[in-house]
């Protein structure tokens, strides 16, 4: 790519960043991005609502703190940090989502937010702006996950969004580029709730994540013997690296 092309690309990215901060976002084809996932109308609407609500708020903070999402490693913190400023926007985000209807859509928003939905829609915006295509930009996924994962506890979030946290509605997982998304939690409390809801098995989660294991054991969900039994069943030859660990908590 020559200098003129680079300059034009940078100008286009800055244009989208400025317009995005003012809630003028490019359209996203969620069906194209998640073409290997079967989404219903409520889940499509939840993604779109999160996109239209979360991305402008994040871009406003990034702009105020001179954080370039296209060059995150060049960021030099000034004053109140990104984590604190993003946390301040969390309440504004929830206010904008409280009146969302119908309840099926609000329930999907609740479920997605607890598992990284705000991160996901921001990465869709980045993919659209950087590549001019319906895709996820995964080049800085871990760094942005730390910033954009909502911190509100699951029951408080349910109360804010006027949904029943114990209902047995679907909780979607999304496939993209051979990876599963919406498979992490914003807290240990959320992990336990998703066990209660029957979405996850306590022993399986505990086998994959030591922090989750300690929490679930302390709450009586699982015992060390049950974890060992599953380990033996899955790994009868006792291969040292058979069980791939995963960090389930953002």
Protein backbone atom coordinates (compact mmCIF):
# COMPACT_ATOMS: atom_id res chain seq x y z
CA UNK A 1 0.00 0.00 0.00
CA UNK A 2 1.48 3.36 -1.01
CA UNK A 3 1.56 6.59 1.01
CA UNK A 4 -1.50 8.07 -0.71
CA UNK A 5 -3.53 4.94 0.02
CA UNK A 6 -2.41 4.94 3.64
CA UNK A 7 -3.36 8.60 3.99
CA UNK A 8 -6.78 7.97 2.50
CA UNK A 9 -7.35 4.98 4.77
CA UNK A 10 -6.35 6.96 7.85
CA UNK A 11 -8.67 9.80 6.86
CA UNK A 12 -11.57 7.35 6.43
CA UNK A 13 -10.89 5.80 9.83
CA UNK A 14 -10.79 9.18 11.56
CA UNK A 15 -14.00 10.16 9.77
CA UNK A 16 -15.77 7.07 11.12
CA UNK A 17 -14.36 7.66 14.60
CA UNK A 18 -15.64 11.25 14.72
CA UNK A 19 -19.03 10.34 13.30
CA UNK A 20 -19.28 7.28 15.55
CA UNK A 21 -18.82 9.41 18.65
CA UNK A 22 -21.92 11.29 17.52
CA UNK A 23 -23.90 8.07 17.06
CA UNK A 24 -23.57 8.05 13.26
CA UNK A 25 -22.41 4.50 12.65
CA UNK A 26 -21.97 2.40 9.51
CA UNK A 27 -24.55 -0.33 9.13
CA UNK A 28 -23.57 -3.85 10.18
CA UNK A 29 -24.91 -7.05 8.65
CA UNK A 30 -24.94 -9.30 11.72
CA UNK A 31 -26.14 -12.28 9.71
CA UNK A 32 -23.07 -11.99 7.49
CA UNK A 33 -20.63 -11.71 10.40
CA UNK A 34 -22.17 -14.60 12.33
CA UNK A 35 -23.22 -16.69 9.37
CA UNK A 36 -22.45 -19.92 11.24
CA UNK A 37 -24.76 -19.04 14.14
CA UNK A 38 -28.53 -19.32 14.07
CA UNK A 39 -29.88 -16.03 15.44
CA UNK A 40 -33.51 -15.21 16.11
CA UNK A 41 -35.10 -11.77 15.76
CA UNK A 42 -34.58 -10.85 19.43
CA UNK A 43 -30.88 -11.68 19.21
CA UNK A 44 -30.41 -9.66 16.02
CA UNK A 45 -32.18 -6.72 17.66
CA UNK A 46 -30.08 -7.08 20.81
CA UNK A 47 -26.85 -6.91 18.81
CA UNK A 48 -28.04 -3.87 16.88
CA UNK A 49 -29.24 -2.08 20.02
CA UNK A 50 -25.95 -2.72 21.81
CA UNK A 51 -24.08 -1.52 18.74
CA UNK A 52 -26.02 1.72 18.49
CA UNK A 53 -25.75 2.37 22.25
CA UNK A 54 -22.32 1.16 23.35
CA UNK A 55 -20.05 2.16 20.48
CA UNK A 56 -20.76 5.95 20.55
CA UNK A 57 -20.25 6.10 24.33
CA UNK A 58 -16.92 4.28 24.08
CA UNK A 59 -15.75 6.46 21.20
CA UNK A 60 -16.59 9.62 23.14
CA UNK A 61 -14.31 8.54 25.98
CA UNK A 62 -11.54 7.45 23.64
CA UNK A 63 -11.72 10.81 21.88
CA UNK A 64 -11.62 12.81 25.13
CA UNK A 65 -8.56 10.90 26.36
CA UNK A 66 -6.79 10.91 22.97
CA UNK A 67 -6.87 7.12 22.79
CA UNK A 68 -6.56 6.05 19.15
CA UNK A 69 -8.35 2.73 18.74
CA UNK A 70 -6.42 2.21 15.52
CA UNK A 71 -3.06 2.61 17.32
CA UNK A 72 -3.77 1.58 20.94
CA UNK A 73 -0.13 0.94 21.80
CA UNK A 74 0.70 4.62 21.24
CA UNK A 75 -1.61 5.67 24.08
CA UNK A 76 -0.09 7.76 26.88
CA UNK A 77 -2.46 8.03 29.88
CA UNK A 78 -3.46 11.55 30.84
CA UNK A 79 -5.31 12.23 34.08
CA UNK A 80 -8.24 9.97 34.88
CA UNK A 81 -7.56 6.65 33.14
CA UNK A 82 -9.51 4.80 30.50
CA UNK A 83 -10.85 2.22 32.94
CA UNK A 84 -12.33 4.89 35.19
CA UNK A 85 -13.84 6.89 32.35
CA UNK A 86 -15.32 3.84 30.66
CA UNK A 87 -16.79 2.79 34.02
CA UNK A 88 -18.47 6.19 34.27
CA UNK A 89 -20.15 5.56 30.91
CA UNK A 90 -21.57 2.24 32.07
CA UNK A 91 -24.48 3.93 33.85
CA UNK A 92 -25.25 5.99 30.74
CA UNK A 93 -25.28 2.83 28.68
CA UNK A 94 -27.73 1.14 31.03
CA UNK A 95 -29.97 4.21 31.04
CA UNK A 96 -30.14 4.09 27.25
CA UNK A 97 -31.04 0.38 27.34
CA UNK A 98 -33.62 0.41 30.16
CA UNK A 99 -36.54 1.36 27.91
CA UNK A 100 -35.69 -1.11 25.17
CA UNK A 101 -38.60 -3.38 24.23
CA UNK A 102 -39.80 -6.08 23.92
CA UNK A 103 -38.69 -8.04 26.96
CA UNK A 104 -37.17 -10.82 24.82
CA UNK A 105 -34.75 -8.30 23.34
CA UNK A 106 -33.88 -6.87 26.75
CA UNK A 107 -33.19 -10.37 28.03
CA UNK A 108 -30.79 -11.02 25.16
CA UNK A 109 -29.07 -7.67 25.83
CA UNK A 110 -28.70 -8.65 29.49
CA UNK A 111 -27.23 -12.03 28.60
CA UNK A 112 -24.83 -10.59 26.01
CA UNK A 113 -23.59 -7.75 28.21
CA UNK A 114 -22.65 -10.16 30.99
CA UNK A 115 -20.58 -12.18 28.50
CA UNK A 116 -18.79 -9.47 26.52
CA UNK A 117 -21.49 -8.14 24.19
CA UNK A 118 -20.19 -4.57 24.34
CA UNK A 119 -16.73 -5.79 23.36
CA UNK A 120 -18.16 -7.78 20.48
CA UNK A 121 -20.13 -4.94 18.89
CA UNK A 122 -17.15 -2.59 19.17
CA UNK A 123 -14.97 -5.12 17.38
CA UNK A 124 -17.63 -5.32 14.67
CA UNK A 125 -17.43 -1.54 14.27
CA UNK A 126 -13.62 -1.72 14.08
CA UNK A 127 -13.83 -4.47 11.49
CA UNK A 128 -16.27 -2.50 9.36
CA UNK A 129 -14.22 0.71 9.51
CA UNK A 130 -10.79 -0.85 9.02
CA UNK A 131 -11.74 -3.39 6.35
CA UNK A 132 -14.91 -1.90 4.83
CA UNK A 133 -16.53 -5.28 5.35
CA UNK A 134 -18.82 -7.10 7.78
CA UNK A 135 -16.24 -8.77 10.03
CA UNK A 136 -14.75 -8.71 13.50
CA UNK A 137 -11.41 -7.04 14.04
CA UNK A 138 -9.63 -9.43 16.41
CA UNK A 139 -6.16 -7.85 16.34
CA UNK A 140 -6.66 -6.04 19.67
CA UNK A 141 -9.41 -8.18 21.18
CA UNK A 142 -7.80 -8.86 24.55
CA UNK A 143 -6.82 -5.25 25.17
CA UNK A 144 -10.29 -3.92 24.38
CA UNK A 145 -11.96 -6.71 26.33
CA UNK A 146 -10.43 -5.37 29.52
CA UNK A 147 -11.81 -1.91 28.79
CA UNK A 148 -15.30 -2.66 27.52
CA UNK A 149 -16.50 -5.62 29.59
CA UNK A 150 -19.41 -4.35 31.68
CA UNK A 151 -18.81 -4.63 35.46
CA UNK A 152 -22.37 -4.48 36.82
CA UNK A 153 -23.37 -7.64 38.70
CA UNK A 154 -25.94 -9.89 36.96
CA UNK A 155 -28.87 -9.34 39.32
CA UNK A 156 -28.44 -5.56 39.39
CA UNK A 157 -28.19 -5.53 35.60
CA UNK A 158 -31.37 -7.61 35.36
CA UNK A 159 -33.14 -5.14 37.62
CA UNK A 160 -31.97 -2.18 35.52
CA UNK A 161 -33.16 -3.83 32.30
CA UNK A 162 -36.41 -5.12 33.86
CA UNK A 163 -35.78 -8.77 33.09
CA UNK A 164 -36.03 -11.94 35.16
CA UNK A 165 -32.50 -13.35 35.58
CA UNK A 166 -33.87 -16.81 36.31
CA UNK A 167 -35.94 -17.23 33.16
CA UNK A 168 -34.95 -20.10 30.88
CA UNK A 169 -34.67 -18.07 27.68
CA UNK A 170 -31.91 -18.93 25.21
CA UNK A 171 -28.37 -17.65 25.75
CA UNK A 172 -26.68 -17.44 22.36
CA UNK A 173 -23.04 -18.26 21.62
CA UNK A 174 -21.62 -16.80 18.41
CA UNK A 175 -19.20 -18.45 16.00
CA UNK A 176 -16.71 -16.41 14.01
CA UNK A 177 -13.59 -17.65 12.25
CA UNK A 178 -13.61 -20.99 14.12
CA UNK A 179 -13.81 -19.23 17.49
CA UNK A 180 -16.67 -19.07 19.98
CA UNK A 181 -17.64 -15.65 21.38
CA UNK A 182 -19.81 -14.66 24.33
CA UNK A 183 -18.16 -17.48 26.27
CA UNK A 184 -16.63 -15.44 29.12
CA UNK A 185 -18.21 -13.82 32.18
CA UNK A 186 -17.93 -10.41 33.76
CA UNK A 187 -17.66 -11.93 37.26
CA UNK A 188 -17.54 -15.15 39.25
CA UNK A 189 -21.12 -14.43 40.36
CA UNK A 190 -22.20 -14.47 36.71
CA UNK A 191 -20.43 -17.79 36.14
CA UNK A 192 -22.38 -19.31 39.03
CA UNK A 193 -25.65 -17.89 37.71
CA UNK A 194 -25.09 -19.48 34.30
CA UNK A 195 -24.55 -22.79 36.08
CA UNK A 196 -27.86 -22.25 37.89
CA UNK A 197 -29.53 -21.57 34.54
CA UNK A 198 -28.24 -24.83 33.12
CA UNK A 199 -26.13 -23.13 30.44
CA UNK A 200 -22.87 -24.49 31.85
CA UNK A 201 -21.88 -27.51 33.90
CA UNK A 202 -20.14 -26.61 37.17
CA UNK A 203 -17.62 -29.45 36.93
CA UNK A 204 -16.68 -28.65 33.34
CA UNK A 205 -16.16 -24.95 34.13
CA UNK A 206 -14.11 -25.84 37.19
CA UNK A 207 -11.89 -28.16 35.20
CA UNK A 208 -11.10 -25.43 32.68
CA UNK A 209 -10.59 -22.46 35.02
CA UNK A 210 -8.96 -22.68 38.46
CA UNK A 211 -10.43 -19.38 39.70
CA UNK A 212 -13.93 -20.53 38.81
CA UNK A 213 -13.22 -23.89 40.46
CA UNK A 214 -12.29 -22.30 43.78
CA UNK A 215 -15.39 -20.09 43.71
CA UNK A 216 -17.82 -22.85 42.79
CA UNK A 217 -16.32 -25.20 45.39
CA UNK A 218 -16.71 -22.51 48.05
CA UNK A 219 -20.40 -22.13 47.10
CA UNK A 220 -21.10 -25.87 47.14
CA UNK A 221 -21.63 -26.29 43.39
CA UNK A 222 -18.90 -28.87 42.93
CA UNK A 223 -16.32 -30.86 44.88
CA UNK A 224 -12.67 -31.58 44.17
CA UNK A 225 -13.55 -35.28 43.79
CA UNK A 226 -16.06 -34.46 41.04
CA UNK A 227 -13.45 -32.37 39.20
CA UNK A 228 -10.90 -35.19 39.51
CA UNK A 229 -13.42 -37.74 38.26
CA UNK A 230 -14.15 -35.66 35.15
CA UNK A 231 -10.42 -35.17 34.60
CA UNK A 232 -9.87 -38.92 34.72
CA UNK A 233 -12.82 -39.61 32.41
CA UNK A 234 -11.55 -37.16 29.81
CA UNK A 235 -7.91 -38.03 30.24
CA UNK A 236 -7.59 -41.76 31.06
CA UNK A 237 -3.93 -41.79 29.97
CA UNK A 238 -3.10 -38.88 32.30
CA UNK A 239 -1.51 -36.73 29.61
CA UNK A 240 -0.12 -33.63 31.30
CA UNK A 241 -1.38 -31.10 28.77
CA UNK A 242 -4.68 -32.76 27.85
CA UNK A 243 -6.98 -30.25 29.60
CA UNK A 244 -6.72 -26.86 27.94
CA UNK A 245 -7.24 -24.10 30.50
CA UNK A 246 -9.35 -21.06 29.71
CA UNK A 247 -9.77 -17.76 31.52
CA UNK A 248 -13.55 -17.51 31.82
CA UNK A 249 -13.56 -14.29 33.86
CA UNK A 250 -12.89 -10.94 32.18
